[in-house]
C-alpha atoms as a PDB file:
ATOM      1  CA  UNK A   1      -4.784  -6.687 -82.776  1.00  0.00           C
ATOM      2  CA  UNK A   2      -3.022  -4.386 -80.139  1.00  0.00           C
ATOM      3  CA  UNK A   3      -3.878  -5.761 -76.309  1.00  0.00           C
ATOM      4  CA  UNK A   4      -5.200  -2.332 -75.479  1.00  0.00           C
ATOM      5  CA  UNK A   5      -8.108  -3.762 -77.292  1.00  0.00           C
ATOM      6  CA  UNK A   6      -8.987  -7.093 -74.639  1.00  0.00           C
ATOM      7  CA  UNK A   7     -12.310  -7.126 -74.954  1.00  0.00           C
ATOM      8  CA  UNK A   8     -15.024  -5.702 -77.111  1.00  0.00           C
ATOM      9  CA  UNK A   9     -19.010  -5.772 -77.289  1.00  0.00           C
ATOM     10  CA  UNK A  10     -21.203  -5.793 -80.551  1.00  0.00           C
ATOM     11  CA  UNK A  11     -24.407  -4.936 -80.385  1.00  0.00           C
ATOM     12  CA  UNK A  12     -26.244  -7.376 -82.871  1.00  0.00           C
ATOM     13  CA  UNK A  13     -23.372  -9.927 -82.668  1.00  0.00           C
ATOM     14  CA  UNK A  14     -25.779 -12.569 -83.963  1.00  0.00           C
ATOM     15  CA  UNK A  15     -26.514 -10.748 -87.351  1.00  0.00           C
ATOM     16  CA  UNK A  16     -25.181 -10.971 -90.889  1.00  0.00           C
ATOM     17  CA  UNK A  17     -22.560  -8.142 -90.293  1.00  0.00           C
ATOM     18  CA  UNK A  18     -22.194  -8.351 -86.251  1.00  0.00           C
ATOM     19  CA  UNK A  19     -21.292 -12.395 -86.696  1.00  0.00           C
ATOM     20  CA  UNK A  20     -18.230 -11.451 -88.946  1.00  0.00           C
ATOM     21  CA  UNK A  21     -17.082  -9.097 -86.800  1.00  0.00           C
ATOM     22  CA  UNK A  22     -17.461 -11.442 -83.680  1.00  0.00           C
ATOM     23  CA  UNK A  23     -15.822 -14.681 -85.925  1.00  0.00           C
ATOM     24  CA  UNK A  24     -12.976 -12.128 -86.776  1.00  0.00           C
ATOM     25  CA  UNK A  25     -12.567 -10.588 -83.319  1.00  0.00           C
ATOM     26  CA  UNK A  26     -12.140 -13.951 -81.206  1.00  0.00           C
ATOM     27  CA  UNK A  27      -9.638 -15.292 -84.073  1.00  0.00           C
ATOM     28  CA  UNK A  28      -7.487 -12.625 -83.401  1.00  0.00           C
ATOM     29  CA  UNK A  29      -7.651 -13.575 -79.617  1.00  0.00           C
ATOM     30  CA  UNK A  30      -9.993 -10.594 -78.430  1.00  0.00           C
ATOM     31  CA  UNK A  31     -12.478 -11.462 -75.814  1.00  0.00           C
ATOM     32  CA  UNK A  32     -16.070 -11.267 -77.635  1.00  0.00           C
ATOM     33  CA  UNK A  33     -19.537 -10.362 -75.988  1.00  0.00           C
ATOM     34  CA  UNK A  34     -22.399 -10.048 -78.026  1.00  0.00           C
ATOM     35  CA  UNK A  35     -25.743  -8.032 -77.004  1.00  0.00           C
ATOM     36  CA  UNK A  36     -28.686  -8.378 -78.918  1.00  0.00           C
ATOM     37  CA  UNK A  37     -32.530  -9.368 -78.007  1.00  0.00           C
ATOM     38  CA  UNK A  38     -32.808 -13.003 -78.228  1.00  0.00           C
ATOM     39  CA  UNK A  39     -29.156 -13.447 -76.739  1.00  0.00           C
ATOM     40  CA  UNK A  40     -28.767 -16.804 -78.701  1.00  0.00           C
ATOM     41  CA  UNK A  41     -25.987 -17.461 -80.737  1.00  0.00           C
ATOM     42  CA  UNK A  42     -25.131 -16.948 -84.423  1.00  0.00           C
ATOM     43  CA  UNK A  43     -26.433 -19.915 -86.497  1.00  0.00           C
ATOM     44  CA  UNK A  44     -25.676 -20.103 -90.197  1.00  0.00           C
ATOM     45  CA  UNK A  45     -29.402 -20.393 -92.680  1.00  0.00           C
ATOM     46  CA  UNK A  46     -29.226 -24.056 -92.261  1.00  0.00           C
ATOM     47  CA  UNK A  47     -29.167 -23.993 -88.717  1.00  0.00           C
ATOM     48  CA  UNK A  48     -25.563 -24.915 -87.840  1.00  0.00           C
ATOM     49  CA  UNK A  49     -23.343 -23.462 -84.930  1.00  0.00           C
ATOM     50  CA  UNK A  50     -19.923 -22.779 -86.390  1.00  0.00           C
ATOM     51  CA  UNK A  51     -16.910 -23.183 -84.025  1.00  0.00           C
ATOM     52  CA  UNK A  52     -15.792 -20.369 -83.109  1.00  0.00           C
ATOM     53  CA  UNK A  53     -19.915 -19.091 -81.455  1.00  0.00           C
ATOM     54  CA  UNK A  54     -18.729 -20.895 -78.330  1.00  0.00           C
ATOM     55  CA  UNK A  55     -15.726 -18.100 -77.669  1.00  0.00           C
ATOM     56  CA  UNK A  56     -18.438 -15.994 -77.537  1.00  0.00           C
ATOM     57  CA  UNK A  57     -20.142 -14.962 -74.485  1.00  0.00           C
ATOM     58  CA  UNK A  58     -24.037 -14.545 -76.092  1.00  0.00           C
ATOM     59  CA  UNK A  59     -25.978 -11.874 -73.806  1.00  0.00           C
ATOM     60  CA  UNK A  60     -29.568 -10.521 -73.908  1.00  0.00           C
ATOM     61  CA  UNK A  61     -29.772  -7.182 -73.828  1.00  0.00           C
ATOM     62  CA  UNK A  62     -32.421  -4.180 -75.201  1.00  0.00           C
ATOM     63  CA  UNK A  63     -30.517  -1.661 -77.526  1.00  0.00           C
ATOM     64  CA  UNK A  64     -33.175   1.161 -76.618  1.00  0.00           C
ATOM     65  CA  UNK A  65     -32.955   0.074 -73.135  1.00  0.00           C
ATOM     66  CA  UNK A  66     -29.183  -0.187 -72.673  1.00  0.00           C
ATOM     67  CA  UNK A  67     -29.397  -0.110 -68.974  1.00  0.00           C
ATOM     68  CA  UNK A  68     -29.835  -4.062 -69.602  1.00  0.00           C
ATOM     69  CA  UNK A  69     -26.837  -4.214 -70.541  1.00  0.00           C
ATOM     70  CA  UNK A  70     -24.794  -1.583 -68.876  1.00  0.00           C
ATOM     71  CA  UNK A  71     -23.176  -3.650 -66.420  1.00  0.00           C
ATOM     72  CA  UNK A  72     -20.969  -5.073 -69.547  1.00  0.00           C
ATOM     73  CA  UNK A  73     -19.803  -1.417 -70.618  1.00  0.00           C
ATOM     74  CA  UNK A  74     -17.126  -0.577 -67.982  1.00  0.00           C
ATOM     75  CA  UNK A  75     -15.276  -3.662 -68.791  1.00  0.00           C
ATOM     76  CA  UNK A  76     -15.511  -3.150 -72.623  1.00  0.00           C
ATOM     77  CA  UNK A  77     -12.428  -1.742 -74.543  1.00  0.00           C
ATOM     78  CA  UNK A  78     -14.695  -0.830 -77.196  1.00  0.00           C
ATOM     79  CA  UNK A  79     -18.127  -0.959 -78.649  1.00  0.00           C
ATOM     80  CA  UNK A  80     -19.341  -2.149 -81.929  1.00  0.00           C
ATOM     81  CA  UNK A  81     -22.623  -1.396 -82.789  1.00  0.00           C
ATOM     82  CA  UNK A  82     -24.567  -3.251 -86.186  1.00  0.00           C
ATOM     83  CA  UNK A  83     -27.681  -2.619 -85.957  1.00  0.00           C
ATOM     84  CA  UNK A  84     -29.935  -1.213 -88.465  1.00  0.00           C
ATOM     85  CA  UNK A  85     -32.406  -2.307 -91.416  1.00  0.00           C
ATOM     86  CA  UNK A  86     -32.512  -1.310 -94.946  1.00  0.00           C
ATOM     87  CA  UNK A  87     -36.061  -1.650 -95.578  1.00  0.00           C
ATOM     88  CA  UNK A  88     -38.574  -0.798 -92.895  1.00  0.00           C
ATOM     89  CA  UNK A  89     -40.373  -4.573 -93.560  1.00  0.00           C
ATOM     90  CA  UNK A  90     -37.886  -6.909 -92.074  1.00  0.00           C
ATOM     91  CA  UNK A  91     -38.950  -9.733 -94.482  1.00  0.00           C
ATOM     92  CA  UNK A  92     -36.650  -8.720 -97.040  1.00  0.00           C
ATOM     93  CA  UNK A  93     -33.558 -10.203 -94.826  1.00  0.00           C
ATOM     94  CA  UNK A  94     -35.214 -13.220 -95.505  1.00  0.00           C
ATOM     95  CA  UNK A  95     -35.521 -13.593 -98.449  1.00  0.00           C
ATOM     96  CA  UNK A  96     -32.562 -12.362 -99.195  1.00  0.00           C
ATOM     97  CA  UNK A  97     -31.080 -15.362 -96.813  1.00  0.00           C
ATOM     98  CA  UNK A  98     -33.084 -17.625 -98.624  1.00  0.00           C
ATOM     99  CA  UNK A  99     -32.464 -16.360-102.576  1.00  0.00           C
ATOM    100  CA  UNK A 100     -36.060 -16.095-102.777  1.00  0.00           C
ATOM    101  CA  UNK A 101     -35.888 -13.023-105.524  1.00  0.00           C
ATOM    102  CA  UNK A 102     -39.436 -12.495-106.047  1.00  0.00           C
ATOM    103  CA  UNK A 103     -40.251 -12.003-102.110  1.00  0.00           C
ATOM    104  CA  UNK A 104     -37.021  -9.477-102.215  1.00  0.00           C
ATOM    105  CA  UNK A 105     -38.911  -7.618-104.955  1.00  0.00           C
ATOM    106  CA  UNK A 106     -42.246  -7.590-103.336  1.00  0.00           C
ATOM    107  CA  UNK A 107     -39.963  -6.096-100.195  1.00  0.00           C
ATOM    108  CA  UNK A 108     -38.448  -3.584-102.820  1.00  0.00           C
ATOM    109  CA  UNK A 109     -41.563  -2.671-104.211  1.00  0.00           C
ATOM    110  CA  UNK A 110     -43.738  -1.829-100.850  1.00  0.00           C
ATOM    111  CA  UNK A 111     -40.424   0.268 -99.914  1.00  0.00           C
ATOM    112  CA  UNK A 112     -40.831   2.566-102.915  1.00  0.00           C
ATOM    113  CA  UNK A 113     -44.306   2.706-102.521  1.00  0.00           C
ATOM    114  CA  UNK A 114     -43.548   4.150 -99.258  1.00  0.00           C
ATOM    115  CA  UNK A 115     -46.160   5.987 -96.908  1.00  0.00           C
ATOM    116  CA  UNK A 116     -45.445   9.572 -95.415  1.00  0.00           C
ATOM    117  CA  UNK A 117     -42.144   8.880 -94.217  1.00  0.00           C
ATOM    118  CA  UNK A 118     -43.276  10.513 -90.632  1.00  0.00           C
ATOM    119  CA  UNK A 119     -43.066   7.450 -87.890  1.00  0.00           C
ATOM    120  CA  UNK A 120     -45.798   9.235 -85.369  1.00  0.00           C
ATOM    121  CA  UNK A 121     -47.900   8.081 -88.089  1.00  0.00           C
ATOM    122  CA  UNK A 122     -47.709   4.189 -87.908  1.00  0.00           C
ATOM    123  CA  UNK A 123     -50.345   2.474 -86.879  1.00  0.00           C
ATOM    124  CA  UNK A 124     -48.819   0.070 -84.307  1.00  0.00           C
ATOM    125  CA  UNK A 125     -46.416   0.207 -81.895  1.00  0.00           C
ATOM    126  CA  UNK A 126     -44.429  -2.408 -83.489  1.00  0.00           C
ATOM    127  CA  UNK A 127     -43.987  -0.716 -86.941  1.00  0.00           C
ATOM    128  CA  UNK A 128     -42.795   2.300 -84.742  1.00  0.00           C
ATOM    129  CA  UNK A 129     -40.294   0.454 -83.673  1.00  0.00           C
ATOM    130  CA  UNK A 130     -38.696  -1.167 -86.812  1.00  0.00           C
ATOM    131  CA  UNK A 131     -38.480   2.439 -88.037  1.00  0.00           C
ATOM    132  CA  UNK A 132     -35.593   3.727 -89.429  1.00  0.00           C
ATOM    133  CA  UNK A 133     -35.471   6.609 -86.502  1.00  0.00           C
ATOM    134  CA  UNK A 134     -35.315   3.776 -84.164  1.00  0.00           C
ATOM    135  CA  UNK A 135     -33.398   1.200 -85.757  1.00  0.00           C
ATOM    136  CA  UNK A 136     -30.661   3.118 -87.696  1.00  0.00           C
ATOM    137  CA  UNK A 137     -30.502   5.963 -85.197  1.00  0.00           C
ATOM    138  CA  UNK A 138     -32.123   6.154 -81.826  1.00  0.00           C
ATOM    139  CA  UNK A 139     -30.575   2.516 -80.913  1.00  0.00           C
ATOM    140  CA  UNK A 140     -27.331   3.835 -81.768  1.00  0.00           C
ATOM    141  CA  UNK A 141     -27.087   6.948 -79.881  1.00  0.00           C
ATOM    142  CA  UNK A 142     -28.682   5.360 -76.688  1.00  0.00           C
ATOM    143  CA  UNK A 143     -25.944   2.815 -76.661  1.00  0.00           C
ATOM    144  CA  UNK A 144     -23.149   5.412 -77.224  1.00  0.00           C
ATOM    145  CA  UNK A 145     -24.592   7.309 -74.409  1.00  0.00           C
ATOM    146  CA  UNK A 146     -24.529   4.347 -72.172  1.00  0.00           C
ATOM    147  CA  UNK A 147     -21.100   3.318 -73.218  1.00  0.00           C
ATOM    148  CA  UNK A 148     -19.909   6.582 -72.553  1.00  0.00           C
ATOM    149  CA  UNK A 149     -21.173   7.219 -69.458  1.00  0.00           C
ATOM    150  CA  UNK A 150     -20.682   3.984 -67.675  1.00  0.00           C
ATOM    151  CA  UNK A 151     -17.147   4.996 -67.256  1.00  0.00           C
ATOM    152  CA  UNK A 152     -14.172   2.157 -67.247  1.00  0.00           C
ATOM    153  CA  UNK A 153     -13.543  -1.125 -64.780  1.00  0.00           C
ATOM    154  CA  UNK A 154     -11.849  -0.372 -61.635  1.00  0.00           C
ATOM    155  CA  UNK A 155      -8.895  -2.404 -62.512  1.00  0.00           C
ATOM    156  CA  UNK A 156      -8.498  -0.434 -66.018  1.00  0.00           C
ATOM    157  CA  UNK A 157      -5.277   0.330 -67.257  1.00  0.00           C
ATOM    158  CA  UNK A 158      -5.810   1.678 -70.523  1.00  0.00           C
ATOM    159  CA  UNK A 159      -3.956   4.716 -71.982  1.00  0.00           C
ATOM    160  CA  UNK A 160      -6.103   4.977 -75.720  1.00  0.00           C
ATOM    161  CA  UNK A 161      -9.401   6.347 -76.408  1.00  0.00           C
ATOM    162  CA  UNK A 162     -12.152   3.508 -76.443  1.00  0.00           C
ATOM    163  CA  UNK A 163     -13.683   3.381 -79.765  1.00  0.00           C
ATOM    164  CA  UNK A 164     -16.980   3.003 -80.432  1.00  0.00           C
ATOM    165  CA  UNK A 165     -18.067   1.934 -83.763  1.00  0.00           C
ATOM    166  CA  UNK A 166     -20.781   2.126 -86.023  1.00  0.00           C
ATOM    167  CA  UNK A 167     -21.921   0.527 -88.977  1.00  0.00           C
ATOM    168  CA  UNK A 168     -23.318   2.859 -91.411  1.00  0.00           C
ATOM    169  CA  UNK A 169     -23.537   2.738 -95.285  1.00  0.00           C
ATOM    170  CA  UNK A 170     -22.572   4.172 -98.247  1.00  0.00           C
ATOM    171  CA  UNK A 171     -25.627   6.307 -99.901  1.00  0.00           C
ATOM    172  CA  UNK A 172     -26.448   3.834-103.458  1.00  0.00           C
ATOM    173  CA  UNK A 173     -30.138   3.075-102.521  1.00  0.00           C
ATOM    174  CA  UNK A 174     -32.260   5.941-103.771  1.00  0.00           C
ATOM    175  CA  UNK A 175     -34.875   5.835-104.981  1.00  0.00           C
ATOM    176  CA  UNK A 176     -35.324   2.131-104.485  1.00  0.00           C
ATOM    177  CA  UNK A 177     -34.949   2.586-100.896  1.00  0.00           C
ATOM    178  CA  UNK A 178     -36.391   5.642 -98.703  1.00  0.00           C
ATOM    179  CA  UNK A 179     -34.167   8.382 -98.504  1.00  0.00           C
ATOM    180  CA  UNK A 180     -35.177   8.440 -94.466  1.00  0.00           C
ATOM    181  CA  UNK A 181     -33.120   5.068 -94.456  1.00  0.00           C
ATOM    182  CA  UNK A 182     -29.388   7.068 -95.383  1.00  0.00           C
ATOM    183  CA  UNK A 183     -30.781  10.240 -93.391  1.00  0.00           C
ATOM    184  CA  UNK A 184     -30.866   8.326 -89.940  1.00  0.00           C
ATOM    185  CA  UNK A 185     -27.547   6.914 -90.741  1.00  0.00           C
ATOM    186  CA  UNK A 186     -26.317  10.470 -90.921  1.00  0.00           C
ATOM    187  CA  UNK A 187     -28.019  11.285 -88.090  1.00  0.00           C
ATOM    188  CA  UNK A 188     -26.992   8.610 -85.960  1.00  0.00           C
ATOM    189  CA  UNK A 189     -23.073   9.835 -86.765  1.00  0.00           C
ATOM    190  CA  UNK A 190     -23.722  13.260 -86.672  1.00  0.00           C
ATOM    191  CA  UNK A 191     -25.249  12.512 -83.138  1.00  0.00           C
ATOM    192  CA  UNK A 192     -22.357  10.625 -81.889  1.00  0.00           C
ATOM    193  CA  UNK A 193     -19.702  12.871 -83.282  1.00  0.00           C
ATOM    194  CA  UNK A 194     -21.376  15.099 -81.057  1.00  0.00           C
ATOM    195  CA  UNK A 195     -20.823  12.863 -78.175  1.00  0.00           C
ATOM    196  CA  UNK A 196     -17.440  12.502 -78.586  1.00  0.00           C
ATOM    197  CA  UNK A 197     -16.532  16.261 -79.027  1.00  0.00           C
ATOM    198  CA  UNK A 198     -14.440  17.026 -76.718  1.00  0.00           C
ATOM    199  CA  UNK A 199     -13.933  13.892 -75.018  1.00  0.00           C
ATOM    200  CA  UNK A 200     -10.472  11.994 -75.559  1.00  0.00           C
ATOM    201  CA  UNK A 201     -11.266   9.338 -73.953  1.00  0.00           C
ATOM    202  CA  UNK A 202     -13.612   8.093 -77.008  1.00  0.00           C
ATOM    203  CA  UNK A 203     -13.214   8.232 -80.757  1.00  0.00           C
ATOM    204  CA  UNK A 204     -15.834   7.932 -82.705  1.00  0.00           C
ATOM    205  CA  UNK A 205     -15.516   5.256 -86.264  1.00  0.00           C
ATOM    206  CA  UNK A 206     -18.502   5.429 -89.066  1.00  0.00           C
ATOM    207  CA  UNK A 207     -17.658   2.443 -91.253  1.00  0.00           C
ATOM    208  CA  UNK A 208     -19.532   2.966 -94.267  1.00  0.00           C
ATOM    209  CA  UNK A 209     -20.430  -0.041 -96.462  1.00  0.00           C
ATOM    210  CA  UNK A 210     -22.313   0.015 -99.372  1.00  0.00           C
ATOM    211  CA  UNK A 211     -24.926  -1.917 -97.090  1.00  0.00           C
ATOM    212  CA  UNK A 212     -27.140  -4.157 -99.074  1.00  0.00           C
ATOM    213  CA  UNK A 213     -23.967  -5.005-101.135  1.00  0.00           C
ATOM    214  CA  UNK A 214     -22.107  -6.286 -98.697  1.00  0.00           C
ATOM    215  CA  UNK A 215     -21.980  -9.734 -99.747  1.00  0.00           C
ATOM    216  CA  UNK A 216     -21.109 -13.724 -99.364  1.00  0.00           C
ATOM    217  CA  UNK A 217     -21.375 -16.369-101.783  1.00  0.00           C
ATOM    218  CA  UNK A 218     -23.235 -18.738 -99.429  1.00  0.00           C
ATOM    219  CA  UNK A 219     -24.900 -16.421 -96.756  1.00  0.00           C
ATOM    220  CA  UNK A 220     -26.471 -13.984 -98.777  1.00  0.00           C
ATOM    221  CA  UNK A 221     -26.516 -15.857-102.832  1.00  0.00           C
ATOM    222  CA  UNK A 222     -28.367 -13.337-104.038  1.00  0.00           C
ATOM    223  CA  UNK A 223     -25.624 -10.645-103.373  1.00  0.00           C
ATOM    224  CA  UNK A 224     -23.126 -12.345-104.787  1.00  0.00           C
ATOM    225  CA  UNK A 225     -24.371 -11.709-109.005  1.00  0.00           C
ATOM    226  CA  UNK A 226     -25.242  -8.377-107.900  1.00  0.00           C
ATOM    227  CA  UNK A 227     -21.924  -7.543-106.362  1.00  0.00           C
ATOM    228  CA  UNK A 228     -20.033  -9.163-109.184  1.00  0.00           C
ATOM    229  CA  UNK A 229     -21.792  -6.616-111.813  1.00  0.00           C
ATOM    230  CA  UNK A 230     -21.283  -3.620-109.693  1.00  0.00           C
ATOM    231  CA  UNK A 231     -17.933  -4.669-109.026  1.00  0.00           C
ATOM    232  CA  UNK A 232     -17.037  -4.575-112.477  1.00  0.00           C
ATOM    233  CA  UNK A 233     -18.894  -1.100-113.393  1.00  0.00           C
ATOM    234  CA  UNK A 234     -16.525   0.611-110.383  1.00  0.00           C
ATOM    235  CA  UNK A 235     -13.659  -1.292-111.836  1.00  0.00           C
ATOM    236  CA  UNK A 236     -14.768   0.407-115.341  1.00  0.00           C
ATOM    237  CA  UNK A 237     -15.254   4.225-113.435  1.00  0.00           C
ATOM    238  CA  UNK A 238     -11.716   3.605-111.694  1.00  0.00           C
ATOM    239  CA  UNK A 239     -10.269   2.800-114.769  1.00  0.00           C
ATOM    240  CA  UNK A 240     -11.658   5.271-117.570  1.00  0.00           C
ATOM    241  CA  UNK A 241      -9.351   8.852-117.676  1.00  0.00           C
ATOM    242  CA  UNK A 242     -11.080  11.623-115.797  1.00  0.00           C
ATOM    243  CA  UNK A 243     -11.223  13.646-119.220  1.00  0.00           C
ATOM    244  CA  UNK A 244     -13.865  10.704-120.561  1.00  0.00           C
ATOM    245  CA  UNK A 245     -17.498  11.156-119.407  1.00  0.00           C
ATOM    246  CA  UNK A 246     -18.433   7.763-117.603  1.00  0.00           C
ATOM    247  CA  UNK A 247     -21.949   7.184-116.489  1.00  0.00           C
ATOM    248  CA  UNK A 248     -21.686   8.164-113.029  1.00  0.00           C
ATOM    249  CA  UNK A 249     -20.060  11.267-113.742  1.00  0.00           C
ATOM    250  CA  UNK A 250     -22.933  12.851-115.914  1.00  0.00           C
ATOM    251  CA  UNK A 251     -25.800  11.644-113.304  1.00  0.00           C
ATOM    252  CA  UNK A 252     -23.324  13.264-110.975  1.00  0.00           C
ATOM    253  CA  UNK A 253     -23.275  16.681-112.854  1.00  0.00           C
ATOM    254  CA  UNK A 254     -27.039  16.275-113.639  1.00  0.00           C
ATOM    255  CA  UNK A 255     -28.036  15.741-109.807  1.00  0.00           C
ATOM    256  CA  UNK A 256     -25.895  18.270-109.125  1.00  0.00           C
ATOM    257  CA  UNK A 257     -27.245  20.620-111.678  1.00  0.00           C
ATOM    258  CA  UNK A 258     -31.126  19.496-109.869  1.00  0.00           C
ATOM    259  CA  UNK A 259     -30.214  20.214-106.681  1.00  0.00           C
ATOM    260  CA  UNK A 260     -28.871  23.641-107.108  1.00  0.00           C
ATOM    261  CA  UNK A 261     -32.186  24.695-109.397  1.00  0.00           C
ATOM    262  CA  UNK A 262     -34.788  23.210-107.080  1.00  0.00           C
ATOM    263  CA  UNK A 263     -34.857  24.633-103.530  1.00  0.00           C
ATOM    264  CA  UNK A 264     -35.533  22.046-100.533  1.00  0.00           C
ATOM    265  CA  UNK A 265     -38.799  21.865 -99.375  1.00  0.00           C
ATOM    266  CA  UNK A 266     -39.341  21.127 -95.300  1.00  0.00           C
ATOM    267  CA  UNK A 267     -40.366  17.934 -96.964  1.00  0.00           C
ATOM    268  CA  UNK A 268     -37.056  16.770 -98.522  1.00  0.00           C
ATOM    269  CA  UNK A 269     -34.666  14.847 -96.685  1.00  0.00           C
ATOM    270  CA  UNK A 270     -31.523  17.079 -95.040  1.00  0.00           C
ATOM    271  CA  UNK A 271     -29.152  15.145 -96.120  1.00  0.00           C
ATOM    272  CA  UNK A 272     -29.450  12.635 -99.152  1.00  0.00           C
ATOM    273  CA  UNK A 273     -29.336  15.582-102.262  1.00  0.00           C
ATOM    274  CA  UNK A 274     -30.413  14.616-105.791  1.00  0.00           C
ATOM    275  CA  UNK A 275     -30.979   9.722-106.138  1.00  0.00           C
ATOM    276  CA  UNK A 276     -28.980  10.415-109.360  1.00  0.00           C
ATOM    277  CA  UNK A 277     -26.088  10.791-106.907  1.00  0.00           C
ATOM    278  CA  UNK A 278     -27.763   7.703-104.776  1.00  0.00           C
ATOM    279  CA  UNK A 279     -27.301   5.884-108.345  1.00  0.00           C
ATOM    280  CA  UNK A 280     -23.981   7.554-109.621  1.00  0.00           C
ATOM    281  CA  UNK A 281     -22.156   5.996-106.207  1.00  0.00           C
ATOM    282  CA  UNK A 282     -24.130   2.420-106.846  1.00  0.00           C
ATOM    283  CA  UNK A 283     -21.813   2.552-110.117  1.00  0.00           C
ATOM    284  CA  UNK A 284     -18.751   3.882-109.040  1.00  0.00           C
ATOM    285  CA  UNK A 285     -18.698   2.425-105.396  1.00  0.00           C
ATOM    286  CA  UNK A 286     -17.277  -1.133-105.282  1.00  0.00           C
ATOM    287  CA  UNK A 287     -19.257  -3.867-103.133  1.00  0.00           C
ATOM    288  CA  UNK A 288     -17.544  -5.323-100.089  1.00  0.00           C
ATOM    289  CA  UNK A 289     -17.522  -8.509 -98.773  1.00  0.00           C
ATOM    290  CA  UNK A 290     -18.440  -9.170 -95.556  1.00  0.00           C
ATOM    291  CA  UNK A 291     -15.399 -10.947 -93.827  1.00  0.00           C
ATOM    292  CA  UNK A 292     -14.114  -7.461 -95.616  1.00  0.00           C
ATOM    293  CA  UNK A 293     -15.881  -5.553 -93.706  1.00  0.00           C
ATOM    294  CA  UNK A 294     -15.373  -7.596 -90.013  1.00  0.00           C
ATOM    295  CA  UNK A 295     -11.543  -7.388 -90.760  1.00  0.00           C
ATOM    296  CA  UNK A 296     -11.968  -3.697 -91.466  1.00  0.00           C
ATOM    297  CA  UNK A 297     -13.557  -3.198 -88.302  1.00  0.00           C
ATOM    298  CA  UNK A 298     -10.626  -5.000 -86.288  1.00  0.00           C
ATOM    299  CA  UNK A 299      -8.204  -3.049 -87.798  1.00  0.00           C
ATOM    300  CA  UNK A 300      -9.851   0.445 -86.786  1.00  0.00           C
ATOM    301  CA  UNK A 301     -10.186  -1.186 -83.104  1.00  0.00           C
ATOM    302  CA  UNK A 302      -6.668  -1.543 -82.708  1.00  0.00           C
ATOM    303  CA  UNK A 303      -5.713   1.696 -80.994  1.00  0.00           C
ATOM    304  CA  UNK A 304      -2.323   1.829 -82.760  1.00  0.00           C
ATOM    305  CA  UNK A 305      -4.298   2.811 -86.205  1.00  0.00           C
ATOM    306  CA  UNK A 306      -5.995   5.007 -84.099  1.00  0.00           C
ATOM    307  CA  UNK A 307      -8.692   5.824 -86.413  1.00  0.00           C
ATOM    308  CA  UNK A 308     -11.703   8.119 -86.307  1.00  0.00           C
ATOM    309  CA  UNK A 309     -14.198   9.270 -88.137  1.00  0.00           C
ATOM    310  CA  UNK A 310     -15.920   7.793 -91.780  1.00  0.00           C
ATOM    311  CA  UNK A 311     -14.057   5.142 -93.031  1.00  0.00           C
ATOM    312  CA  UNK A 312     -15.417   4.311 -96.841  1.00  0.00           C
ATOM    313  CA  UNK A 313     -15.068   0.657 -98.449  1.00  0.00           C
ATOM    314  CA  UNK A 314     -11.453   2.395-100.158  1.00  0.00           C
ATOM    315  CA  UNK A 315     -10.029   2.780 -96.725  1.00  0.00           C
ATOM    316  CA  UNK A 316     -11.089  -0.563 -95.375  1.00  0.00           C
ATOM    317  CA  UNK A 317      -9.242  -2.263 -98.138  1.00  0.00           C
ATOM    318  CA  UNK A 318      -6.635   0.129 -97.347  1.00  0.00           C
ATOM    319  CA  UNK A 319      -6.635  -1.011 -93.819  1.00  0.00           C
ATOM    320  CA  UNK A 320      -6.934  -4.431 -94.474  1.00  0.00           C
ATOM    321  CA  UNK A 321      -4.040  -4.670 -97.037  1.00  0.00           C
ATOM    322  CA  UNK A 322      -6.871  -5.789 -99.588  1.00  0.00           C
ATOM    323  CA  UNK A 323      -4.624  -4.767-102.436  1.00  0.00           C
ATOM    324  CA  UNK A 324      -2.045  -7.275-101.458  1.00  0.00           C
ATOM    325  CA  UNK A 325      -4.238 -10.212-101.083  1.00  0.00           C
ATOM    326  CA  UNK A 326      -2.095 -13.278-101.781  1.00  0.00           C
ATOM    327  CA  UNK A 327       1.209 -11.562-101.011  1.00  0.00           C
ATOM    328  CA  UNK A 328       0.361 -10.003 -97.753  1.00  0.00           C
ATOM    329  CA  UNK A 329      -1.710 -11.292 -95.069  1.00  0.00           C
ATOM    330  CA  UNK A 330      -0.662  -9.395 -92.009  1.00  0.00           C
ATOM    331  CA  UNK A 331      -3.737  -7.319 -92.511  1.00  0.00           C
ATOM    332  CA  UNK A 332      -1.514  -4.240 -91.339  1.00  0.00           C
ATOM    333  CA  UNK A 333      -2.769  -0.597 -91.842  1.00  0.00           C
ATOM    334  CA  UNK A 334      -1.955   0.921 -95.363  1.00  0.00           C
ATOM    335  CA  UNK A 335      -2.311   3.794 -97.137  1.00  0.00           C
ATOM    336  CA  UNK A 336      -2.791   7.269 -95.833  1.00  0.00           C
ATOM    337  CA  UNK A 337      -3.096   6.726 -92.134  1.00  0.00           C
END
């Protein structure tokens, strides 16, 4: 990684994706500070603290109140925001970590049953704080605003735009997951981009892995068989000639027809469109290993790549040289950059 990125701050660095990013960054010689509500170092599901955790500065802070760690922002060459929730009932995370399939199905069933989707109608403040609006959108916007407002340290010698990397997601979950999940992710992306507009000192980067299909065999054992099946589906779709209809192309056509035939009401998703398109995405977009997401984040932090905007799974693979794995381990950016 280029020396212009010497220090990064990872919001949520003790989580699943956040910890992988911290590990990848310290292995590249970057000084890493993690901010989380607990401030505790990352531990494996079995309670172990890997050796790399001793190289991370673990700090306590509230993403909704960035003033709690504002003193750390001026010296950060870049910020990576990893907070987010797939299901407002956070019990799904424990189910995935423990490989508890029945508990995972219960969480998904509760998500599908939904509710009104209006965060103002939640009965308790604790429920609102776990909402998509807060976890996926508001926290990221507040941290980004604080990062820009903090400026840079007095001894800073940077001459490259400072990246704000937001872990977003591909739309592959509906109708199992409420559309508000992906809507709030897109609202966060737009809000960050608006803050970056006209400001050459910063750049916004929006990583879009296939979120619930970011897999790891040991840390999230339930994800591996699902990822294997969907990777096979994505491979078949990719290798099928364009002249031959595939399940994904058929669903996209049906979804486009449905969207054009129906006039959306104010209660409908402003971003998502037909759930059929989301299902088509799930069949054709490959899953990605959490370590590959972390490598890609390190690549976009590197000022030599000057990456801005949306980074989908294909571009992540290009950035880390995924196609050349086994022959080229350099991680130098490949293809279209």
